[in-house]
């Protein structure tokens, strides 16, 4: 008995761009701007209070936004390329 192949659910795309989020995070990450842009308010406030982890956290976060394919917004939708 043959079973039909399992279909993978298609990801829902966000209206936010991962390039925009990454660049905002690299250049203005000390203020948590990239995280505010994607809707992660709690993490953005944490970056704002710590000045982006003295710049290190925001730089790494920005690079991960630009290079990762599975970054999501606050609603769990995958960021557009």
N, C-alpha and C. Protein backbone atom coordinates (compact mmCIF):
# COMPACT_ATOMS: atom_id res chain seq x y z
N UNK A 1 0.85 -1.18 0.00
CA UNK A 1 0.00 0.00 0.00
C UNK A 1 0.89 1.23 0.00
N UNK A 2 0.70 2.11 -0.94
CA UNK A 2 1.50 3.32 -1.07
C UNK A 2 0.80 4.48 -0.38
N UNK A 3 1.57 5.21 0.38
CA UNK A 3 1.05 6.39 1.06
C UNK A 3 1.47 7.64 0.28
N UNK A 4 0.62 8.64 0.26
CA UNK A 4 1.02 9.87 -0.43
C UNK A 4 2.17 10.56 0.32
N UNK A 5 3.05 11.23 -0.40
CA UNK A 5 4.17 11.90 0.27
C UNK A 5 3.67 13.01 1.20
N UNK A 6 4.36 13.16 2.30
CA UNK A 6 4.01 14.21 3.27
C UNK A 6 4.44 15.56 2.71
N UNK A 7 3.56 16.51 2.77
CA UNK A 7 3.89 17.85 2.31
C UNK A 7 4.35 18.70 3.48
N UNK A 8 5.43 19.42 3.26
CA UNK A 8 5.94 20.32 4.28
C UNK A 8 5.10 21.60 4.24
N UNK A 9 4.71 22.11 5.39
CA UNK A 9 3.94 23.36 5.39
C UNK A 9 4.80 24.51 4.86
N UNK A 10 4.21 25.34 4.03
CA UNK A 10 4.92 26.50 3.50
C UNK A 10 5.02 27.56 4.59
N UNK A 11 6.20 28.17 4.74
CA UNK A 11 6.34 29.19 5.77
C UNK A 11 5.53 30.43 5.41
N UNK A 12 4.98 31.05 6.44
CA UNK A 12 4.31 32.32 6.22
C UNK A 12 5.37 33.41 6.24
N UNK A 13 5.31 34.29 5.26
CA UNK A 13 6.31 35.34 5.15
C UNK A 13 5.87 36.58 5.90
N UNK A 14 6.81 37.20 6.55
CA UNK A 14 6.57 38.45 7.27
C UNK A 14 6.56 39.61 6.28
N UNK A 15 6.02 40.72 6.70
CA UNK A 15 6.11 41.93 5.89
C UNK A 15 7.40 42.68 6.18
N UNK A 16 8.22 42.16 7.08
CA UNK A 16 9.50 42.77 7.45
C UNK A 16 10.63 42.10 6.67
N UNK A 17 11.68 42.85 6.38
CA UNK A 17 12.82 42.37 5.62
C UNK A 17 13.99 42.04 6.55
N UNK A 18 14.66 40.91 6.29
CA UNK A 18 15.80 40.55 7.13
C UNK A 18 17.00 41.45 6.85
N UNK A 19 17.11 41.99 5.63
CA UNK A 19 18.20 42.92 5.31
C UNK A 19 18.01 44.22 6.08
N UNK A 20 16.80 44.74 6.08
CA UNK A 20 16.52 45.96 6.83
C UNK A 20 16.75 45.75 8.31
N UNK A 21 16.26 44.63 8.85
CA UNK A 21 16.45 44.33 10.27
C UNK A 21 17.93 44.20 10.61
N UNK A 22 18.69 43.53 9.75
CA UNK A 22 20.12 43.35 9.99
C UNK A 22 20.89 44.65 9.97
N UNK A 23 20.61 45.50 8.99
CA UNK A 23 21.31 46.78 8.91
C UNK A 23 20.93 47.71 10.05
N UNK A 24 19.64 47.73 10.40
CA UNK A 24 19.23 48.54 11.56
C UNK A 24 19.92 48.05 12.82
N UNK A 25 20.05 46.74 12.95
CA UNK A 25 20.66 46.17 14.15
C UNK A 25 22.15 46.47 14.21
N UNK A 26 22.82 46.43 13.06
CA UNK A 26 24.26 46.71 13.06
C UNK A 26 24.53 48.18 13.36
N UNK A 27 23.78 49.09 12.71
CA UNK A 27 24.08 50.51 12.85
C UNK A 27 23.39 51.18 14.04
N UNK A 28 22.21 50.70 14.44
CA UNK A 28 21.48 51.31 15.54
C UNK A 28 21.12 50.29 16.62
N UNK A 29 21.85 49.19 16.67
CA UNK A 29 21.56 48.12 17.61
C UNK A 29 21.73 48.50 19.06
N UNK A 30 22.53 49.50 19.33
CA UNK A 30 22.69 49.97 20.70
C UNK A 30 21.39 50.50 21.29
N UNK A 31 20.48 50.86 20.40
CA UNK A 31 19.16 51.33 20.81
C UNK A 31 18.09 50.26 20.62
N UNK A 32 18.48 49.07 20.13
CA UNK A 32 17.53 47.98 19.92
C UNK A 32 16.61 48.18 18.73
N UNK A 33 16.99 49.03 17.79
CA UNK A 33 16.11 49.40 16.68
C UNK A 33 15.75 48.20 15.81
N UNK A 34 16.70 47.32 15.54
CA UNK A 34 16.41 46.15 14.71
C UNK A 34 15.39 45.23 15.35
N UNK A 35 15.46 45.10 16.66
CA UNK A 35 14.49 44.27 17.38
C UNK A 35 13.13 44.95 17.51
N UNK A 36 13.12 46.27 17.68
CA UNK A 36 11.84 46.98 17.65
C UNK A 36 11.19 46.81 16.29
N UNK A 37 11.99 46.85 15.22
CA UNK A 37 11.48 46.70 13.85
C UNK A 37 10.79 45.35 13.65
N UNK A 38 11.37 44.28 14.20
CA UNK A 38 10.78 42.95 14.03
C UNK A 38 9.70 42.65 15.06
N UNK A 39 9.50 43.53 16.03
CA UNK A 39 8.44 43.35 17.00
C UNK A 39 8.84 42.63 18.27
N UNK A 40 10.12 42.36 18.46
CA UNK A 40 10.61 41.71 19.68
C UNK A 40 10.90 42.80 20.72
N UNK A 41 9.84 43.28 21.35
CA UNK A 41 9.93 44.45 22.22
C UNK A 41 10.78 44.18 23.46
N UNK A 42 10.60 43.03 24.08
CA UNK A 42 11.36 42.72 25.30
C UNK A 42 12.86 42.67 25.04
N UNK A 43 13.25 42.03 23.96
CA UNK A 43 14.67 41.96 23.63
C UNK A 43 15.20 43.35 23.23
N UNK A 44 14.37 44.14 22.56
CA UNK A 44 14.77 45.49 22.17
C UNK A 44 15.02 46.35 23.40
N UNK A 45 14.17 46.24 24.40
CA UNK A 45 14.37 47.01 25.63
C UNK A 45 15.64 46.55 26.34
N UNK A 46 15.90 45.24 26.33
CA UNK A 46 17.14 44.72 26.90
C UNK A 46 18.37 45.29 26.21
N UNK A 47 18.31 45.41 24.88
CA UNK A 47 19.43 45.99 24.15
C UNK A 47 19.53 47.49 24.41
N UNK A 48 18.41 48.14 24.56
CA UNK A 48 18.41 49.57 24.85
C UNK A 48 19.05 49.85 26.21
N UNK A 49 18.71 49.06 27.20
CA UNK A 49 19.23 49.26 28.55
C UNK A 49 20.73 48.96 28.62
N UNK A 50 21.19 47.94 27.87
CA UNK A 50 22.61 47.55 27.95
C UNK A 50 23.44 48.14 26.81
N UNK A 51 22.85 49.08 26.07
CA UNK A 51 23.53 49.67 24.90
C UNK A 51 23.95 48.58 23.91
N UNK A 52 23.03 47.67 23.66
CA UNK A 52 23.29 46.58 22.71
C UNK A 52 24.35 45.62 23.21
N UNK A 53 24.38 45.41 24.51
CA UNK A 53 25.41 44.55 25.09
C UNK A 53 26.79 45.12 24.83
N UNK A 54 26.91 46.44 25.03
CA UNK A 54 28.14 47.21 24.77
C UNK A 54 28.58 47.07 23.32
N UNK A 55 27.60 46.92 22.43
CA UNK A 55 27.88 46.85 21.00
C UNK A 55 28.11 45.46 20.47
N UNK A 56 28.50 44.54 21.33
CA UNK A 56 28.82 43.18 20.88
C UNK A 56 27.56 42.41 20.53
N UNK A 57 26.57 42.46 21.42
CA UNK A 57 25.31 41.75 21.20
C UNK A 57 24.64 42.25 19.93
N UNK A 58 24.58 43.56 19.75
CA UNK A 58 23.89 44.11 18.58
C UNK A 58 24.62 43.78 17.29
N UNK A 59 25.94 43.76 17.29
CA UNK A 59 26.70 43.42 16.09
C UNK A 59 26.48 41.96 15.70
N UNK A 60 26.57 41.06 16.66
CA UNK A 60 26.35 39.64 16.38
C UNK A 60 24.92 39.41 15.93
N UNK A 61 23.98 40.07 16.59
CA UNK A 61 22.57 39.93 16.23
C UNK A 61 22.32 40.42 14.81
N UNK A 62 22.93 41.53 14.43
CA UNK A 62 22.77 42.05 13.07
C UNK A 62 23.34 41.12 12.02
N UNK A 63 24.50 40.53 12.30
CA UNK A 63 25.10 39.58 11.37
C UNK A 63 24.23 38.34 11.24
N UNK A 64 23.66 37.87 12.34
CA UNK A 64 22.77 36.71 12.28
C UNK A 64 21.50 37.02 11.50
N UNK A 65 20.98 38.24 11.61
CA UNK A 65 19.82 38.62 10.81
C UNK A 65 20.15 38.51 9.32
N UNK A 66 21.32 38.97 8.94
CA UNK A 66 21.70 39.00 7.53
C UNK A 66 22.03 37.62 6.97
N UNK A 67 22.53 36.71 7.79
CA UNK A 67 23.00 35.43 7.27
C UNK A 67 22.06 34.26 7.51
N UNK A 68 21.15 34.36 8.45
CA UNK A 68 20.25 33.25 8.76
C UNK A 68 19.01 33.29 7.88
N UNK A 69 18.53 32.11 7.51
CA UNK A 69 17.33 32.02 6.69
C UNK A 69 16.07 31.79 7.52
N UNK A 70 16.21 31.52 8.80
CA UNK A 70 15.05 31.17 9.61
C UNK A 70 14.74 32.20 10.69
N UNK A 71 15.15 33.44 10.52
CA UNK A 71 14.82 34.49 11.50
C UNK A 71 13.35 34.87 11.36
N UNK A 72 12.71 35.09 12.47
CA UNK A 72 11.27 35.35 12.45
C UNK A 72 10.96 36.69 13.12
N UNK A 73 9.76 37.18 12.82
CA UNK A 73 9.28 38.37 13.51
C UNK A 73 8.56 37.93 14.79
N UNK A 74 7.94 38.87 15.48
CA UNK A 74 7.31 38.55 16.76
C UNK A 74 6.12 37.61 16.63
N UNK A 75 5.52 37.54 15.44
CA UNK A 75 4.38 36.64 15.21
C UNK A 75 4.83 35.26 14.72
N UNK A 76 6.14 35.04 14.61
CA UNK A 76 6.66 33.75 14.18
C UNK A 76 6.74 33.56 12.67
N UNK A 77 6.51 34.61 11.92
CA UNK A 77 6.60 34.53 10.45
C UNK A 77 8.04 34.78 10.02
N UNK A 78 8.49 34.06 8.99
CA UNK A 78 9.86 34.16 8.50
C UNK A 78 10.05 35.51 7.81
N UNK A 79 11.19 36.17 8.13
CA UNK A 79 11.48 37.46 7.52
C UNK A 79 11.77 37.29 6.03
N UNK A 80 11.33 38.27 5.23
CA UNK A 80 11.60 38.26 3.79
C UNK A 80 13.09 38.45 3.54
N UNK A 81 13.59 37.89 2.45
CA UNK A 81 15.02 38.13 2.08
C UNK A 81 15.27 39.56 1.72
